[in-house]
Protein backbone atom coordinates (compact mmCIF):
# COMPACT_ATOMS: atom_id res chain seq x y z
CA UNK A 1 0.00 0.00 0.00
CA UNK A 2 1.06 3.60 0.04
CA UNK A 3 1.08 6.45 2.55
CA UNK A 4 -1.22 9.42 2.15
CA UNK A 5 -0.27 12.93 3.32
CA UNK A 6 -0.61 13.36 7.07
CA UNK A 7 -3.03 15.93 8.40
CA UNK A 8 -3.91 17.20 11.83
CA UNK A 9 -4.15 14.30 14.31
CA UNK A 10 -7.57 13.79 15.92
CA UNK A 11 -7.67 13.14 19.68
CA UNK A 12 -11.33 12.08 19.69
CA UNK A 13 -12.35 8.45 19.33
CA UNK A 14 -13.01 7.57 15.69
CA UNK A 15 -15.77 5.11 14.84
CA UNK A 16 -15.63 3.37 11.48
CA UNK A 17 -19.12 1.88 11.84
CA UNK A 18 -21.35 2.22 8.80
CA UNK A 19 -23.17 5.57 8.81
CA UNK A 20 -21.11 7.14 11.60
CA UNK A 21 -20.09 10.79 11.31
CA UNK A 22 -16.40 11.52 11.86
CA UNK A 23 -15.11 14.30 14.15
CA UNK A 24 -13.43 15.95 11.12
CA UNK A 25 -14.76 17.12 7.76
CA UNK A 26 -12.24 15.83 5.20
CA UNK A 27 -9.33 13.43 5.39
CA UNK A 28 -8.35 9.81 5.60
CA UNK A 29 -8.44 7.02 8.18
CA UNK A 30 -5.54 4.61 7.63
CA UNK A 31 -5.50 1.01 8.86
CA UNK A 32 -2.18 -0.46 9.98
CA UNK A 33 -1.51 -4.09 10.85
CA UNK A 34 1.49 -5.52 12.60
CA UNK A 35 4.79 -3.65 12.48
CA UNK A 36 4.59 -2.65 8.84
CA UNK A 37 5.98 0.62 7.55
CA UNK A 38 2.99 1.27 5.30
CA UNK A 39 -0.75 0.97 5.96
CA UNK A 40 -2.82 -1.89 4.61
CA UNK A 41 -5.77 0.30 3.69
CA UNK A 42 -7.44 3.71 3.80
CA UNK A 43 -10.93 5.08 4.31
CA UNK A 44 -11.52 8.42 2.58
CA UNK A 45 -13.68 10.92 4.46
CA UNK A 46 -15.67 13.75 2.89
CA UNK A 47 -18.13 15.97 4.79
CA UNK A 48 -17.59 13.81 7.89
CA UNK A 49 -18.65 10.56 6.23
CA UNK A 50 -16.61 7.66 4.89
CA UNK A 51 -17.15 7.73 1.13
CA UNK A 52 -14.47 5.38 -0.26
CA UNK A 53 -12.23 2.48 0.71
CA UNK A 54 -8.90 1.25 -0.69
CA UNK A 55 -7.14 -1.85 0.65
CA UNK A 56 -4.51 -4.43 -0.20
CA UNK A 57 -5.98 -7.71 -1.35
CA UNK A 58 -3.52 -9.86 0.56
CA UNK A 59 -2.54 -11.56 -2.71
CA UNK A 60 0.43 -9.85 -4.26
CA UNK A 61 0.24 -6.20 -5.20
CA UNK A 62 -3.46 -6.08 -6.04
CA UNK A 63 -5.55 -3.24 -4.64
CA UNK A 64 -9.21 -3.51 -3.77
CA UNK A 65 -11.67 -0.63 -3.88
CA UNK A 66 -15.27 -0.04 -2.89
CA UNK A 67 -17.23 -2.81 -1.18
CA UNK A 68 -14.43 -5.38 -1.55
CA UNK A 69 -11.96 -3.04 0.19
CA UNK A 70 -14.46 -2.24 2.94
CA UNK A 71 -15.02 -5.93 3.64
CA UNK A 72 -11.27 -6.62 3.62
CA UNK A 73 -10.60 -3.79 6.12
CA UNK A 74 -13.43 -4.95 8.39
CA UNK A 75 -12.04 -8.49 8.29
CA UNK A 76 -8.49 -7.36 9.12
CA UNK A 77 -9.67 -5.14 11.99
CA UNK A 78 -11.82 -7.88 13.53
CA UNK A 79 -8.73 -10.05 14.08
PDB file of N, CA and C in Angstrom:
ATOM      1  N   UNK A   1       0.862  -1.166   0.000  1.00  0.00           N
ATOM      2  CA  UNK A   1       0.000   0.000   0.000  1.00  0.00           C
ATOM      3  C   UNK A   1       0.903   1.221   0.000  1.00  0.00           C
ATOM      4  N   UNK A   2       0.342   2.342   0.116  1.00  0.00           N
ATOM      5  CA  UNK A   2       1.057   3.603   0.041  1.00  0.00           C
ATOM      6  C   UNK A   2       0.603   4.509   1.176  1.00  0.00           C
ATOM      7  N   UNK A   3       1.438   5.466   1.539  1.00  0.00           N
ATOM      8  CA  UNK A   3       1.080   6.455   2.547  1.00  0.00           C
ATOM      9  C   UNK A   3       0.359   7.615   1.883  1.00  0.00           C
ATOM     10  N   UNK A   4      -0.562   8.208   2.596  1.00  0.00           N
ATOM     11  CA  UNK A   4      -1.218   9.424   2.148  1.00  0.00           C
ATOM     12  C   UNK A   4      -0.683  10.579   2.991  1.00  0.00           C
ATOM     13  N   UNK A   5      -0.783  11.805   2.533  1.00  0.00           N
ATOM     14  CA  UNK A   5      -0.272  12.928   3.319  1.00  0.00           C
ATOM     15  C   UNK A   5      -0.913  12.972   4.703  1.00  0.00           C
ATOM     16  N   UNK A   6      -0.101  13.286   5.707  1.00  0.00           N
ATOM     17  CA  UNK A   6      -0.613  13.359   7.069  1.00  0.00           C
ATOM     18  C   UNK A   6      -1.253  14.715   7.312  1.00  0.00           C
ATOM     19  N   UNK A   7      -2.321  14.704   8.045  1.00  0.00           N
ATOM     20  CA  UNK A   7      -3.028  15.933   8.398  1.00  0.00           C
ATOM     21  C   UNK A   7      -2.927  16.175   9.891  1.00  0.00           C
ATOM     22  N   UNK A   8      -3.868  16.912  10.409  1.00  0.00           N
ATOM     23  CA  UNK A   8      -3.913  17.201  11.831  1.00  0.00           C
ATOM     24  C   UNK A   8      -4.431  15.972  12.574  1.00  0.00           C
ATOM     25  N   UNK A   9      -3.682  15.470  13.554  1.00  0.00           N
ATOM     26  CA  UNK A   9      -4.154  14.301  14.305  1.00  0.00           C
ATOM     27  C   UNK A   9      -5.443  14.627  15.077  1.00  0.00           C
ATOM     28  N   UNK A  10      -6.304  13.647  15.212  1.00  0.00           N
ATOM     29  CA  UNK A  10      -7.567  13.792  15.921  1.00  0.00           C
ATOM     30  C   UNK A  10      -7.448  13.068  17.259  1.00  0.00           C
ATOM     31  N   UNK A  11      -7.743  13.755  18.347  1.00  0.00           N
ATOM     32  CA  UNK A  11      -7.667  13.141  19.675  1.00  0.00           C
ATOM     33  C   UNK A  11      -8.953  12.413  20.059  1.00  0.00           C
ATOM     34  N   UNK A  12     -10.050  12.719  19.380  1.00  0.00           N
ATOM     35  CA  UNK A  12     -11.327  12.084  19.686  1.00  0.00           C
ATOM     36  C   UNK A  12     -11.347  10.653  19.169  1.00  0.00           C
ATOM     37  N   UNK A  13     -12.207   9.832  19.781  1.00  0.00           N
ATOM     38  CA  UNK A  13     -12.352   8.451  19.325  1.00  0.00           C
ATOM     39  C   UNK A  13     -13.030   8.447  17.952  1.00  0.00           C
ATOM     40  N   UNK A  14     -12.476   7.666  17.049  1.00  0.00           N
ATOM     41  CA  UNK A  14     -13.010   7.569  15.693  1.00  0.00           C
ATOM     42  C   UNK A  14     -13.748   6.250  15.559  1.00  0.00           C
ATOM     43  N   UNK A  15     -14.978   6.308  15.086  1.00  0.00           N
ATOM     44  CA  UNK A  15     -15.773   5.112  14.842  1.00  0.00           C
ATOM     45  C   UNK A  15     -15.853   4.891  13.340  1.00  0.00           C
ATOM     46  N   UNK A  16     -15.560   3.683  12.907  1.00  0.00           N
ATOM     47  CA  UNK A  16     -15.627   3.370  11.481  1.00  0.00           C
ATOM     48  C   UNK A  16     -16.878   2.561  11.155  1.00  0.00           C
ATOM     49  N   UNK A  17     -17.846   2.564  12.070  1.00  0.00           N
ATOM     50  CA  UNK A  17     -19.117   1.883  11.836  1.00  0.00           C
ATOM     51  C   UNK A  17     -19.826   2.509  10.641  1.00  0.00           C
ATOM     52  N   UNK A  18     -20.606   1.725   9.949  1.00  0.00           N
ATOM     53  CA  UNK A  18     -21.350   2.217   8.801  1.00  0.00           C
ATOM     54  C   UNK A  18     -22.321   3.321   9.225  1.00  0.00           C
ATOM     55  N   UNK A  19     -22.275   4.455   8.529  1.00  0.00           N
ATOM     56  CA  UNK A  19     -23.167   5.569   8.810  1.00  0.00           C
ATOM     57  C   UNK A  19     -22.703   6.531   9.883  1.00  0.00           C
ATOM     58  N   UNK A  20     -21.577   6.240  10.541  1.00  0.00           N
ATOM     59  CA  UNK A  20     -21.107   7.140  11.604  1.00  0.00           C
ATOM     60  C   UNK A  20     -20.519   8.417  11.004  1.00  0.00           C
ATOM     61  N   UNK A  21     -20.649   9.506  11.744  1.00  0.00           N
ATOM     62  CA  UNK A  21     -20.095  10.791  11.311  1.00  0.00           C
ATOM     63  C   UNK A  21     -18.779  11.007  12.053  1.00  0.00           C
ATOM     64  N   UNK A  22     -17.740  11.356  11.312  1.00  0.00           N
ATOM     65  CA  UNK A  22     -16.404  11.516  11.862  1.00  0.00           C
ATOM     66  C   UNK A  22     -16.254  12.889  12.528  1.00  0.00           C
ATOM     67  N   UNK A  23     -15.318  13.019  13.471  1.00  0.00           N
ATOM     68  CA  UNK A  23     -15.109  14.301  14.148  1.00  0.00           C
ATOM     69  C   UNK A  23     -14.286  15.295  13.320  1.00  0.00           C
ATOM     70  N   UNK A  24     -14.131  15.035  12.031  1.00  0.00           N
ATOM     71  CA  UNK A  24     -13.434  15.954  11.125  1.00  0.00           C
ATOM     72  C   UNK A  24     -14.163  15.937   9.789  1.00  0.00           C
ATOM     73  N   UNK A  25     -14.003  16.986   9.012  1.00  0.00           N
ATOM     74  CA  UNK A  25     -14.762  17.121   7.762  1.00  0.00           C
ATOM     75  C   UNK A  25     -14.181  16.331   6.596  1.00  0.00           C
ATOM     76  N   UNK A  26     -12.872  16.456   6.366  1.00  0.00           N
ATOM     77  CA  UNK A  26     -12.244  15.825   5.200  1.00  0.00           C
ATOM     78  C   UNK A  26     -10.920  15.212   5.623  1.00  0.00           C
ATOM     79  N   UNK A  27     -10.610  14.053   5.070  1.00  0.00           N
ATOM     80  CA  UNK A  27      -9.333  13.430   5.390  1.00  0.00           C
ATOM     81  C   UNK A  27      -9.345  11.950   5.092  1.00  0.00           C
ATOM     82  N   UNK A  28      -8.521  11.237   5.826  1.00  0.00           N
ATOM     83  CA  UNK A  28      -8.355   9.805   5.596  1.00  0.00           C
ATOM     84  C   UNK A  28      -8.161   9.102   6.936  1.00  0.00           C
ATOM     85  N   UNK A  29      -8.668   7.885   7.023  1.00  0.00           N
ATOM     86  CA  UNK A  29      -8.436   7.019   8.175  1.00  0.00           C
ATOM     87  C   UNK A  29      -7.643   5.834   7.641  1.00  0.00           C
ATOM     88  N   UNK A  30      -6.412   5.689   8.112  1.00  0.00           N
ATOM     89  CA  UNK A  30      -5.542   4.608   7.632  1.00  0.00           C
ATOM     90  C   UNK A  30      -5.581   3.432   8.598  1.00  0.00           C
ATOM     91  N   UNK A  31      -5.514   2.229   8.063  1.00  0.00           N
ATOM     92  CA  UNK A  31      -5.499   1.011   8.863  1.00  0.00           C
ATOM     93  C   UNK A  31      -4.116   0.380   8.755  1.00  0.00           C
ATOM     94  N   UNK A  32      -3.510   0.157   9.901  1.00  0.00           N
ATOM     95  CA  UNK A  32      -2.183  -0.457   9.977  1.00  0.00           C
ATOM     96  C   UNK A  32      -2.308  -1.811  10.645  1.00  0.00           C
ATOM     97  N   UNK A  33      -1.556  -2.790  10.191  1.00  0.00           N
ATOM     98  CA  UNK A  33      -1.514  -4.089  10.853  1.00  0.00           C
ATOM     99  C   UNK A  33      -0.063  -4.445  11.122  1.00  0.00           C
ATOM    100  N   UNK A  34       0.146  -5.078  12.246  1.00  0.00           N
ATOM    101  CA  UNK A  34       1.493  -5.515  12.598  1.00  0.00           C
ATOM    102  C   UNK A  34       2.476  -4.365  12.704  1.00  0.00           C
ATOM    103  N   UNK A  35       3.710  -4.632  12.359  1.00  0.00           N
ATOM    104  CA  UNK A  35       4.789  -3.649  12.475  1.00  0.00           C
ATOM    105  C   UNK A  35       5.219  -3.140  11.101  1.00  0.00           C
ATOM    106  N   UNK A  36       4.284  -3.081  10.199  1.00  0.00           N
ATOM    107  CA  UNK A  36       4.593  -2.651   8.838  1.00  0.00           C
ATOM    108  C   UNK A  36       4.916  -1.173   8.785  1.00  0.00           C
ATOM    109  N   UNK A  37       5.628  -0.782   7.745  1.00  0.00           N
ATOM    110  CA  UNK A  37       5.979   0.618   7.550  1.00  0.00           C
ATOM    111  C   UNK A  37       4.930   1.367   6.740  1.00  0.00           C
ATOM    112  N   UNK A  38       4.038   0.636   6.092  1.00  0.00           N
ATOM    113  CA  UNK A  38       2.986   1.270   5.299  1.00  0.00           C
ATOM    114  C   UNK A  38       1.634   0.696   5.725  1.00  0.00           C
ATOM    115  N   UNK A  39       0.580   1.464   5.567  1.00  0.00           N
ATOM    116  CA  UNK A  39      -0.751   0.967   5.959  1.00  0.00           C
ATOM    117  C   UNK A  39      -1.250  -0.104   4.997  1.00  0.00           C
ATOM    118  N   UNK A  40      -2.227  -0.861   5.455  1.00  0.00           N
ATOM    119  CA  UNK A  40      -2.824  -1.890   4.610  1.00  0.00           C
ATOM    120  C   UNK A  40      -4.074  -1.389   3.898  1.00  0.00           C
ATOM    121  N   UNK A  41      -4.592  -0.244   4.342  1.00  0.00           N
ATOM    122  CA  UNK A  41      -5.774   0.302   3.686  1.00  0.00           C
ATOM    123  C   UNK A  41      -6.109   1.701   4.173  1.00  0.00           C
ATOM    124  N   UNK A  42      -7.019   2.347   3.462  1.00  0.00           N
ATOM    125  CA  UNK A  42      -7.442   3.707   3.800  1.00  0.00           C
ATOM    126  C   UNK A  42      -8.952   3.839   3.626  1.00  0.00           C
ATOM    127  N   UNK A  43      -9.550   4.645   4.476  1.00  0.00           N
ATOM    128  CA  UNK A  43     -10.933   5.085   4.312  1.00  0.00           C
ATOM    129  C   UNK A  43     -10.865   6.577   4.010  1.00  0.00           C
ATOM    130  N   UNK A  44     -11.509   7.009   2.946  1.00  0.00           N
ATOM    131  CA  UNK A  44     -11.517   8.420   2.584  1.00  0.00           C
ATOM    132  C   UNK A  44     -12.774   9.069   3.150  1.00  0.00           C
ATOM    133  N   UNK A  45     -12.584  10.231   3.783  1.00  0.00           N
ATOM    134  CA  UNK A  45     -13.683  10.922   4.460  1.00  0.00           C
ATOM    135  C   UNK A  45     -13.955  12.243   3.755  1.00  0.00           C
ATOM    136  N   UNK A  46     -15.229  12.484   3.486  1.00  0.00           N
ATOM    137  CA  UNK A  46     -15.673  13.747   2.892  1.00  0.00           C
ATOM    138  C   UNK A  46     -16.930  14.170   3.626  1.00  0.00           C
ATOM    139  N   UNK A  47     -16.976  15.426   4.052  1.00  0.00           N
ATOM    140  CA  UNK A  47     -18.125  15.967   4.786  1.00  0.00           C
ATOM    141  C   UNK A  47     -18.452  15.110   6.013  1.00  0.00           C
ATOM    142  N   UNK A  48     -17.411  14.579   6.662  1.00  0.00           N
ATOM    143  CA  UNK A  48     -17.588  13.815   7.888  1.00  0.00           C
ATOM    144  C   UNK A  48     -18.021  12.376   7.701  1.00  0.00           C
ATOM    145  N   UNK A  49     -18.215  11.934   6.486  1.00  0.00           N
ATOM    146  CA  UNK A  49     -18.654  10.562   6.228  1.00  0.00           C
ATOM    147  C   UNK A  49     -17.616   9.800   5.410  1.00  0.00           C
ATOM    148  N   UNK A  50     -17.513   8.513   5.676  1.00  0.00           N
ATOM    149  CA  UNK A  50     -16.615   7.660   4.893  1.00  0.00           C
ATOM    150  C   UNK A  50     -17.273   7.427   3.540  1.00  0.00           C
ATOM    151  N   UNK A  51     -16.573   7.819   2.475  1.00  0.00           N
ATOM    152  CA  UNK A  51     -17.149   7.735   1.134  1.00  0.00           C
ATOM    153  C   UNK A  51     -16.413   6.759   0.219  1.00  0.00           C
ATOM    154  N   UNK A  52     -15.226   6.294   0.610  1.00  0.00           N
ATOM    155  CA  UNK A  52     -14.473   5.377  -0.257  1.00  0.00           C
ATOM    156  C   UNK A  52     -13.495   4.564   0.573  1.00  0.00           C
ATOM    157  N   UNK A  53     -13.162   3.385   0.059  1.00  0.00           N
ATOM    158  CA  UNK A  53     -12.229   2.478   0.710  1.00  0.00           C
ATOM    159  C   UNK A  53     -11.218   1.996  -0.317  1.00  0.00           C
ATOM    160  N   UNK A  54      -9.966   1.835   0.119  1.00  0.00           N
ATOM    161  CA  UNK A  54      -8.904   1.249  -0.693  1.00  0.00           C
ATOM    162  C   UNK A  54      -8.116   0.340   0.236  1.00  0.00           C
ATOM    163  N   UNK A  55      -7.849  -0.900  -0.208  1.00  0.00           N
ATOM    164  CA  UNK A  55      -7.137  -1.848   0.647  1.00  0.00           C
ATOM    165  C   UNK A  55      -6.325  -2.818  -0.189  1.00  0.00           C
ATOM    166  N   UNK A  56      -5.285  -3.364   0.436  1.00  0.00           N
ATOM    167  CA  UNK A  56      -4.515  -4.426  -0.196  1.00  0.00           C
ATOM    168  C   UNK A  56      -5.351  -5.694  -0.203  1.00  0.00           C
ATOM    169  N   UNK A  57      -5.192  -6.490  -1.232  1.00  0.00           N
ATOM    170  CA  UNK A  57      -5.982  -7.714  -1.346  1.00  0.00           C
ATOM    171  C   UNK A  57      -5.432  -8.850  -0.495  1.00  0.00           C
ATOM    172  N   UNK A  58      -4.155  -8.763  -0.148  1.00  0.00           N
ATOM    173  CA  UNK A  58      -3.521  -9.863   0.563  1.00  0.00           C
ATOM    174  C   UNK A  58      -2.898 -10.870  -0.388  1.00  0.00           C
ATOM    175  N   UNK A  59      -3.091 -10.662  -1.683  1.00  0.00           N
ATOM    176  CA  UNK A  59      -2.542 -11.558  -2.708  1.00  0.00           C
ATOM    177  C   UNK A  59      -1.702 -10.732  -3.668  1.00  0.00           C
ATOM    178  N   UNK A  60      -0.442 -10.622  -3.385  1.00  0.00           N
ATOM    179  CA  UNK A  60       0.432  -9.846  -4.259  1.00  0.00           C
ATOM    180  C   UNK A  60       0.193  -8.350  -4.129  1.00  0.00           C
ATOM    181  N   UNK A  61       0.346  -7.650  -5.210  1.00  0.00           N
ATOM    182  CA  UNK A  61       0.242  -6.203  -5.197  1.00  0.00           C
ATOM    183  C   UNK A  61      -1.092  -5.701  -5.749  1.00  0.00           C
ATOM    184  N   UNK A  62      -2.132  -6.483  -5.588  1.00  0.00           N
ATOM    185  CA  UNK A  62      -3.460  -6.083  -6.036  1.00  0.00           C
ATOM    186  C   UNK A  62      -4.106  -5.159  -5.021  1.00  0.00           C
ATOM    187  N   UNK A  63      -4.805  -4.142  -5.508  1.00  0.00           N
ATOM    188  CA  UNK A  63      -5.552  -3.240  -4.640  1.00  0.00           C
ATOM    189  C   UNK A  63      -7.040  -3.478  -4.830  1.00  0.00           C
ATOM    190  N   UNK A  64      -7.755  -3.408  -3.731  1.00  0.00           N
ATOM    191  CA  UNK A  64      -9.207  -3.506  -3.770  1.00  0.00           C
ATOM    192  C   UNK A  64      -9.792  -2.119  -3.565  1.00  0.00           C
ATOM    193  N   UNK A  65     -10.981  -1.900  -4.074  1.00  0.00           N
ATOM    194  CA  UNK A  65     -11.667  -0.631  -3.878  1.00  0.00           C
ATOM    195  C   UNK A  65     -13.142  -0.910  -3.626  1.00  0.00           C
ATOM    196  N   UNK A  66     -13.839   0.077  -3.107  1.00  0.00           N
ATOM    197  CA  UNK A  66     -15.267  -0.038  -2.888  1.00  0.00           C
ATOM    198  C   UNK A  66     -15.636  -1.079  -1.852  1.00  0.00           C
ATOM    199  N   UNK A  67     -16.703  -1.837  -2.133  1.00  0.00           N
ATOM    200  CA  UNK A  67     -17.232  -2.806  -1.181  1.00  0.00           C
ATOM    201  C   UNK A  67     -16.207  -3.882  -0.827  1.00  0.00           C
ATOM    202  N   UNK A  68     -15.443  -4.350  -1.812  1.00  0.00           N
ATOM    203  CA  UNK A  68     -14.425  -5.376  -1.546  1.00  0.00           C
ATOM    204  C   UNK A  68     -13.382  -4.867  -0.559  1.00  0.00           C
ATOM    205  N   UNK A  69     -12.953  -3.626  -0.726  1.00  0.00           N
ATOM    206  CA  UNK A  69     -11.964  -3.043   0.188  1.00  0.00           C
ATOM    207  C   UNK A  69     -12.555  -2.862   1.577  1.00  0.00           C
ATOM    208  N   UNK A  70     -13.806  -2.416   1.649  1.00  0.00           N
ATOM    209  CA  UNK A  70     -14.456  -2.236   2.945  1.00  0.00           C
ATOM    210  C   UNK A  70     -14.530  -3.556   3.700  1.00  0.00           C
ATOM    211  N   UNK A  71     -14.936  -4.617   3.007  1.00  0.00           N
ATOM    212  CA  UNK A  71     -15.024  -5.929   3.643  1.00  0.00           C
ATOM    213  C   UNK A  71     -13.658  -6.435   4.079  1.00  0.00           C
ATOM    214  N   UNK A  72     -12.642  -6.187   3.262  1.00  0.00           N
ATOM    215  CA  UNK A  72     -11.271  -6.617   3.616  1.00  0.00           C
ATOM    216  C   UNK A  72     -10.790  -5.887   4.873  1.00  0.00           C
ATOM    217  N   UNK A  73     -11.018  -4.557   4.951  1.00  0.00           N
ATOM    218  CA  UNK A  73     -10.596  -3.792   6.122  1.00  0.00           C
ATOM    219  C   UNK A  73     -11.357  -4.250   7.376  1.00  0.00           C
ATOM    220  N   UNK A  74     -12.642  -4.473   7.242  1.00  0.00           N
ATOM    221  CA  UNK A  74     -13.429  -4.946   8.387  1.00  0.00           C
ATOM    222  C   UNK A  74     -12.930  -6.306   8.870  1.00  0.00           C
ATOM    223  N   UNK A  75     -12.569  -7.176   7.935  1.00  0.00           N
ATOM    224  CA  UNK A  75     -12.042  -8.491   8.289  1.00  0.00           C
ATOM    225  C   UNK A  75     -10.704  -8.363   9.016  1.00  0.00           C
ATOM    226  N   UNK A  76      -9.813  -7.551   8.493  1.00  0.00           N
ATOM    227  CA  UNK A  76      -8.495  -7.355   9.125  1.00  0.00           C
ATOM    228  C   UNK A  76      -8.625  -6.767  10.526  1.00  0.00           C
ATOM    229  N   UNK A  77      -9.516  -5.803  10.687  1.00  0.00           N
ATOM    230  CA  UNK A  77      -9.668  -5.137  11.988  1.00  0.00           C
ATOM    231  C   UNK A  77     -10.371  -6.005  13.021  1.00  0.00           C
ATOM    232  N   UNK A  78     -11.124  -7.010  12.578  1.00  0.00           N
ATOM    233  CA  UNK A  78     -11.815  -7.881  13.527  1.00  0.00           C
ATOM    234  C   UNK A  78     -10.865  -8.901  14.166  1.00  0.00           C
ATOM    235  N   UNK A  79      -9.707  -9.081  13.560  1.00  0.00           N
ATOM    236  CA  UNK A  79      -8.731 -10.054  14.078  1.00  0.00           C
ATOM    237  C   UNK A  79      -7.840  -9.451  15.139  1.00  0.00           C
TER     238      UNK A  79
END
